[in-house]
Amino acid sequence: PKTIEMTRRYDKLSFPGAFTPTEILTAWQAGADVVKIFPSDFTGPEYFRAVLRPLPQIRLMPTGGVDLQTAGAYLKAGACAIGALASLMPPKMLEHGDFD
């Protein structure tokens, strides 16, 4: 909550990570713009559907294990964005500056 408060103070976006429904709701009530769910490969798109049924106002973003094959399923399940750096940009590509 203190980190979210600081981002609000400086008019920045806040994307705290959470896992359980209690953590997700706590982050949202503290003022998070989007709550990152990590690791999403452990939970899957069905978890997003389950969490969003009683909490449709919360904006969720999967991170960790999301790739081009699963991104669409997360979006259909209610994700507002996708965090998929490692699957789209493997560490070797980043190390070598291979952005093509």
N, C-alpha and C. Protein backbone atom coordinates (compact mmCIF):
# COMPACT_ATOMS: atom_id res chain seq x y z
N PRO A 1 0.80 -1.23 0.00
CA PRO A 1 0.00 0.00 0.00
C PRO A 1 0.84 1.28 0.00
N LYS A 2 1.98 1.27 0.68
CA LYS A 2 2.81 2.48 0.73
C LYS A 2 3.42 2.79 -0.64
N THR A 3 3.75 1.76 -1.39
CA THR A 3 4.29 1.98 -2.74
C THR A 3 3.21 2.56 -3.65
N ILE A 4 2.01 2.03 -3.54
CA ILE A 4 0.90 2.55 -4.34
C ILE A 4 0.64 4.01 -3.96
N GLU A 5 0.69 4.31 -2.69
CA GLU A 5 0.50 5.69 -2.23
C GLU A 5 1.55 6.60 -2.86
N MET A 6 2.79 6.14 -2.92
CA MET A 6 3.87 6.95 -3.50
C MET A 6 3.64 7.18 -5.00
N THR A 7 3.20 6.16 -5.71
CA THR A 7 2.95 6.34 -7.15
C THR A 7 1.81 7.34 -7.36
N ARG A 8 0.82 7.30 -6.51
CA ARG A 8 -0.29 8.25 -6.62
C ARG A 8 0.19 9.68 -6.36
N ARG A 9 1.05 9.81 -5.36
CA ARG A 9 1.55 11.13 -5.00
C ARG A 9 2.25 11.80 -6.19
N TYR A 10 2.97 11.00 -6.97
CA TYR A 10 3.73 11.54 -8.10
C TYR A 10 3.03 11.32 -9.44
N ASP A 11 1.74 11.02 -9.39
CA ASP A 11 0.91 10.87 -10.59
C ASP A 11 1.50 9.86 -11.57
N LYS A 12 1.90 8.71 -11.05
CA LYS A 12 2.44 7.61 -11.86
C LYS A 12 1.49 6.42 -11.77
N LEU A 13 1.61 5.54 -12.73
CA LEU A 13 0.79 4.33 -12.71
C LEU A 13 1.35 3.33 -11.71
N SER A 14 0.47 2.52 -11.16
CA SER A 14 0.88 1.52 -10.18
C SER A 14 0.41 0.14 -10.62
N PHE A 15 1.35 -0.80 -10.73
CA PHE A 15 1.07 -2.17 -11.16
C PHE A 15 1.63 -3.15 -10.13
N PRO A 16 1.10 -3.18 -8.92
CA PRO A 16 1.65 -4.10 -7.92
C PRO A 16 1.32 -5.56 -8.26
N GLY A 17 2.17 -6.44 -7.80
CA GLY A 17 1.95 -7.86 -8.00
C GLY A 17 1.14 -8.44 -6.86
N ALA A 18 0.34 -9.45 -7.17
CA ALA A 18 -0.47 -10.13 -6.17
C ALA A 18 -0.74 -11.55 -6.67
N PHE A 19 -1.23 -12.38 -5.76
CA PHE A 19 -1.52 -13.76 -6.15
C PHE A 19 -2.89 -14.21 -5.67
N THR A 20 -3.16 -14.02 -4.40
CA THR A 20 -4.42 -14.49 -3.84
C THR A 20 -5.52 -13.43 -4.03
N PRO A 21 -6.78 -13.84 -3.99
CA PRO A 21 -7.86 -12.85 -4.08
C PRO A 21 -7.76 -11.75 -3.01
N THR A 22 -7.33 -12.11 -1.82
CA THR A 22 -7.18 -11.11 -0.75
C THR A 22 -6.11 -10.10 -1.11
N GLU A 23 -4.97 -10.57 -1.63
CA GLU A 23 -3.91 -9.65 -2.05
C GLU A 23 -4.37 -8.77 -3.21
N ILE A 24 -5.09 -9.36 -4.15
CA ILE A 24 -5.59 -8.62 -5.31
C ILE A 24 -6.51 -7.50 -4.86
N LEU A 25 -7.48 -7.82 -4.01
CA LEU A 25 -8.43 -6.82 -3.53
C LEU A 25 -7.74 -5.75 -2.70
N THR A 26 -6.78 -6.14 -1.87
CA THR A 26 -6.04 -5.18 -1.06
C THR A 26 -5.30 -4.19 -1.94
N ALA A 27 -4.63 -4.69 -2.99
CA ALA A 27 -3.90 -3.81 -3.91
C ALA A 27 -4.86 -2.86 -4.62
N TRP A 28 -5.99 -3.37 -5.07
CA TRP A 28 -6.98 -2.54 -5.77
C TRP A 28 -7.54 -1.46 -4.85
N GLN A 29 -7.90 -1.84 -3.65
CA GLN A 29 -8.46 -0.88 -2.70
C GLN A 29 -7.44 0.18 -2.29
N ALA A 30 -6.14 -0.17 -2.38
CA ALA A 30 -5.08 0.79 -2.05
C ALA A 30 -4.85 1.77 -3.19
N GLY A 31 -5.46 1.51 -4.36
CA GLY A 31 -5.35 2.46 -5.46
C GLY A 31 -4.57 1.99 -6.67
N ALA A 32 -4.29 0.69 -6.77
CA ALA A 32 -3.57 0.17 -7.93
C ALA A 32 -4.34 0.46 -9.21
N ASP A 33 -3.62 0.80 -10.27
CA ASP A 33 -4.25 0.98 -11.57
C ASP A 33 -4.57 -0.36 -12.21
N VAL A 34 -3.63 -1.28 -12.08
CA VAL A 34 -3.75 -2.65 -12.60
C VAL A 34 -3.04 -3.54 -11.59
N VAL A 35 -3.56 -4.72 -11.35
CA VAL A 35 -2.90 -5.68 -10.46
C VAL A 35 -2.30 -6.78 -11.31
N LYS A 36 -0.98 -6.97 -11.18
CA LYS A 36 -0.29 -8.04 -11.90
C LYS A 36 -0.47 -9.35 -11.13
N ILE A 37 -0.84 -10.39 -11.84
CA ILE A 37 -0.95 -11.71 -11.22
C ILE A 37 0.29 -12.49 -11.62
N PHE A 38 1.05 -12.91 -10.62
CA PHE A 38 2.30 -13.64 -10.86
C PHE A 38 2.41 -14.78 -9.85
N PRO A 39 2.78 -15.94 -10.30
CA PRO A 39 3.03 -16.36 -11.67
C PRO A 39 1.74 -16.84 -12.33
N SER A 40 1.45 -16.31 -13.49
CA SER A 40 0.20 -16.65 -14.17
C SER A 40 0.21 -18.03 -14.79
N ASP A 41 1.39 -18.55 -15.10
CA ASP A 41 1.41 -19.91 -15.66
C ASP A 41 0.96 -20.92 -14.62
N PHE A 42 1.04 -20.57 -13.37
CA PHE A 42 0.58 -21.43 -12.29
C PHE A 42 -0.94 -21.38 -12.14
N THR A 43 -1.52 -20.20 -12.43
CA THR A 43 -2.96 -20.02 -12.22
C THR A 43 -3.77 -20.29 -13.48
N GLY A 44 -3.36 -19.76 -14.61
CA GLY A 44 -4.08 -19.94 -15.86
C GLY A 44 -5.25 -18.99 -16.02
N PRO A 45 -5.81 -18.91 -17.23
CA PRO A 45 -6.92 -18.01 -17.51
C PRO A 45 -8.16 -18.28 -16.67
N GLU A 46 -8.39 -19.52 -16.30
CA GLU A 46 -9.58 -19.83 -15.48
C GLU A 46 -9.54 -19.11 -14.13
N TYR A 47 -8.35 -18.91 -13.60
CA TYR A 47 -8.21 -18.18 -12.34
C TYR A 47 -8.69 -16.74 -12.52
N PHE A 48 -8.37 -16.13 -13.65
CA PHE A 48 -8.82 -14.77 -13.94
C PHE A 48 -10.34 -14.71 -13.97
N ARG A 49 -10.95 -15.67 -14.66
CA ARG A 49 -12.42 -15.71 -14.70
C ARG A 49 -13.00 -15.83 -13.29
N ALA A 50 -12.42 -16.71 -12.50
CA ALA A 50 -12.93 -16.95 -11.14
C ALA A 50 -12.80 -15.71 -10.27
N VAL A 51 -11.67 -15.01 -10.36
CA VAL A 51 -11.46 -13.81 -9.54
C VAL A 51 -12.37 -12.67 -10.01
N LEU A 52 -12.52 -12.54 -11.32
CA LEU A 52 -13.29 -11.42 -11.85
C LEU A 52 -14.79 -11.58 -11.72
N ARG A 53 -15.27 -12.79 -11.49
CA ARG A 53 -16.72 -12.96 -11.29
C ARG A 53 -17.23 -12.09 -10.15
N PRO A 54 -16.65 -12.19 -8.94
CA PRO A 54 -17.14 -11.34 -7.86
C PRO A 54 -16.49 -9.95 -7.82
N LEU A 55 -15.40 -9.76 -8.59
CA LEU A 55 -14.66 -8.50 -8.55
C LEU A 55 -14.43 -7.95 -9.96
N PRO A 56 -15.50 -7.71 -10.73
CA PRO A 56 -15.33 -7.32 -12.13
C PRO A 56 -14.69 -5.94 -12.32
N GLN A 57 -14.65 -5.13 -11.28
CA GLN A 57 -14.09 -3.79 -11.39
C GLN A 57 -12.56 -3.79 -11.39
N ILE A 58 -11.95 -4.89 -11.00
CA ILE A 58 -10.49 -4.94 -10.88
C ILE A 58 -9.86 -5.22 -12.23
N ARG A 59 -8.82 -4.46 -12.55
CA ARG A 59 -8.08 -4.65 -13.80
C ARG A 59 -6.89 -5.56 -13.50
N LEU A 60 -6.88 -6.73 -14.14
CA LEU A 60 -5.84 -7.73 -13.90
C LEU A 60 -4.95 -7.91 -15.13
N MET A 61 -3.66 -8.18 -14.87
CA MET A 61 -2.70 -8.43 -15.93
C MET A 61 -1.85 -9.65 -15.57
N PRO A 62 -1.88 -10.69 -16.40
CA PRO A 62 -1.04 -11.84 -16.12
C PRO A 62 0.42 -11.57 -16.46
N THR A 63 1.31 -12.04 -15.63
CA THR A 63 2.75 -11.99 -15.90
C THR A 63 3.35 -13.31 -15.45
N GLY A 64 4.43 -13.67 -16.09
CA GLY A 64 5.11 -14.92 -15.72
C GLY A 64 4.49 -16.11 -16.42
N GLY A 65 5.10 -16.54 -17.49
CA GLY A 65 4.62 -17.71 -18.20
C GLY A 65 3.62 -17.44 -19.30
N VAL A 66 3.28 -16.19 -19.54
CA VAL A 66 2.36 -15.85 -20.62
C VAL A 66 3.16 -15.83 -21.92
N ASP A 67 2.58 -16.42 -22.97
CA ASP A 67 3.26 -16.41 -24.26
C ASP A 67 2.23 -16.17 -25.37
N LEU A 68 2.69 -16.23 -26.61
CA LEU A 68 1.78 -15.96 -27.73
C LEU A 68 0.65 -16.98 -27.81
N GLN A 69 0.88 -18.18 -27.33
CA GLN A 69 -0.17 -19.21 -27.37
C GLN A 69 -1.24 -19.00 -26.31
N THR A 70 -0.88 -18.41 -25.17
CA THR A 70 -1.85 -18.26 -24.07
C THR A 70 -2.40 -16.84 -23.93
N ALA A 71 -1.79 -15.87 -24.58
CA ALA A 71 -2.20 -14.46 -24.41
C ALA A 71 -3.68 -14.26 -24.72
N GLY A 72 -4.16 -14.83 -25.81
CA GLY A 72 -5.56 -14.65 -26.19
C GLY A 72 -6.53 -15.19 -25.16
N ALA A 73 -6.18 -16.33 -24.57
CA ALA A 73 -7.05 -16.92 -23.55
C ALA A 73 -7.14 -16.02 -22.32
N TYR A 74 -6.03 -15.38 -21.95
CA TYR A 74 -6.06 -14.46 -20.81
C TYR A 74 -6.92 -13.24 -21.12
N LEU A 75 -6.79 -12.71 -22.33
CA LEU A 75 -7.61 -11.56 -22.71
C LEU A 75 -9.09 -11.92 -22.72
N LYS A 76 -9.43 -13.08 -23.24
CA LYS A 76 -10.83 -13.53 -23.24
C LYS A 76 -11.35 -13.76 -21.83
N ALA A 77 -10.44 -14.11 -20.91
CA ALA A 77 -10.84 -14.35 -19.52
C ALA A 77 -11.00 -13.06 -18.74
N GLY A 78 -10.63 -11.92 -19.34
CA GLY A 78 -10.83 -10.64 -18.67
C GLY A 78 -9.59 -9.84 -18.38
N ALA A 79 -8.42 -10.32 -18.75
CA ALA A 79 -7.20 -9.54 -18.52
C ALA A 79 -7.27 -8.25 -19.32
N CYS A 80 -6.78 -7.15 -18.74
CA CYS A 80 -6.79 -5.87 -19.43
C CYS A 80 -5.51 -5.63 -20.20
N ALA A 81 -4.48 -6.43 -19.92
CA ALA A 81 -3.18 -6.32 -20.58
C ALA A 81 -2.44 -7.63 -20.34
N ILE A 82 -1.31 -7.78 -21.03
CA ILE A 82 -0.49 -8.99 -20.90
C ILE A 82 0.94 -8.58 -20.60
N GLY A 83 1.57 -9.25 -19.64
CA GLY A 83 2.99 -9.07 -19.37
C GLY A 83 3.72 -10.33 -19.83
N ALA A 84 4.44 -10.23 -20.94
CA ALA A 84 5.04 -11.44 -21.52
C ALA A 84 6.46 -11.18 -22.02
N LEU A 85 7.28 -10.51 -21.26
CA LEU A 85 8.62 -10.16 -21.72
C LEU A 85 9.48 -11.38 -22.02
N ALA A 86 9.60 -12.30 -21.09
CA ALA A 86 10.53 -13.42 -21.26
C ALA A 86 10.18 -14.30 -22.45
N SER A 87 8.89 -14.51 -22.69
CA SER A 87 8.51 -15.37 -23.81
C SER A 87 8.65 -14.67 -25.16
N LEU A 88 8.56 -13.34 -25.16
CA LEU A 88 8.70 -12.59 -26.40
C LEU A 88 10.14 -12.12 -26.63
N MET A 89 10.85 -11.87 -25.55
CA MET A 89 12.23 -11.40 -25.62
C MET A 89 13.10 -12.24 -24.70
N PRO A 90 13.54 -13.41 -25.16
CA PRO A 90 14.40 -14.24 -24.32
C PRO A 90 15.62 -13.47 -23.83
N PRO A 91 16.14 -13.81 -22.65
CA PRO A 91 17.26 -13.07 -22.06
C PRO A 91 18.45 -12.88 -23.01
N LYS A 92 18.75 -13.87 -23.82
CA LYS A 92 19.89 -13.75 -24.76
C LYS A 92 19.66 -12.60 -25.74
N MET A 93 18.42 -12.43 -26.19
CA MET A 93 18.12 -11.33 -27.11
C MET A 93 18.33 -9.99 -26.43
N LEU A 94 17.90 -9.90 -25.17
CA LEU A 94 18.08 -8.65 -24.42
C LEU A 94 19.54 -8.37 -24.18
N GLU A 95 20.30 -9.40 -23.80
CA GLU A 95 21.73 -9.22 -23.53
C GLU A 95 22.47 -8.71 -24.74
N HIS A 96 22.10 -9.17 -25.92
CA HIS A 96 22.79 -8.80 -27.15
C HIS A 96 22.14 -7.62 -27.87
N GLY A 97 21.08 -7.05 -27.29
CA GLY A 97 20.42 -5.93 -27.92
C GLY A 97 19.75 -6.29 -29.25
N ASP A 98 19.36 -7.54 -29.38
CA ASP A 98 18.74 -8.03 -30.60
C ASP A 98 17.24 -7.76 -30.58
N PHE A 99 16.85 -6.54 -30.93
CA PHE A 99 15.45 -6.14 -30.84
C PHE A 99 14.68 -6.32 -32.13
N ASP A 100 15.34 -6.75 -33.20
CA ASP A 100 14.63 -6.99 -34.45
C ASP A 100 13.68 -8.14 -34.30
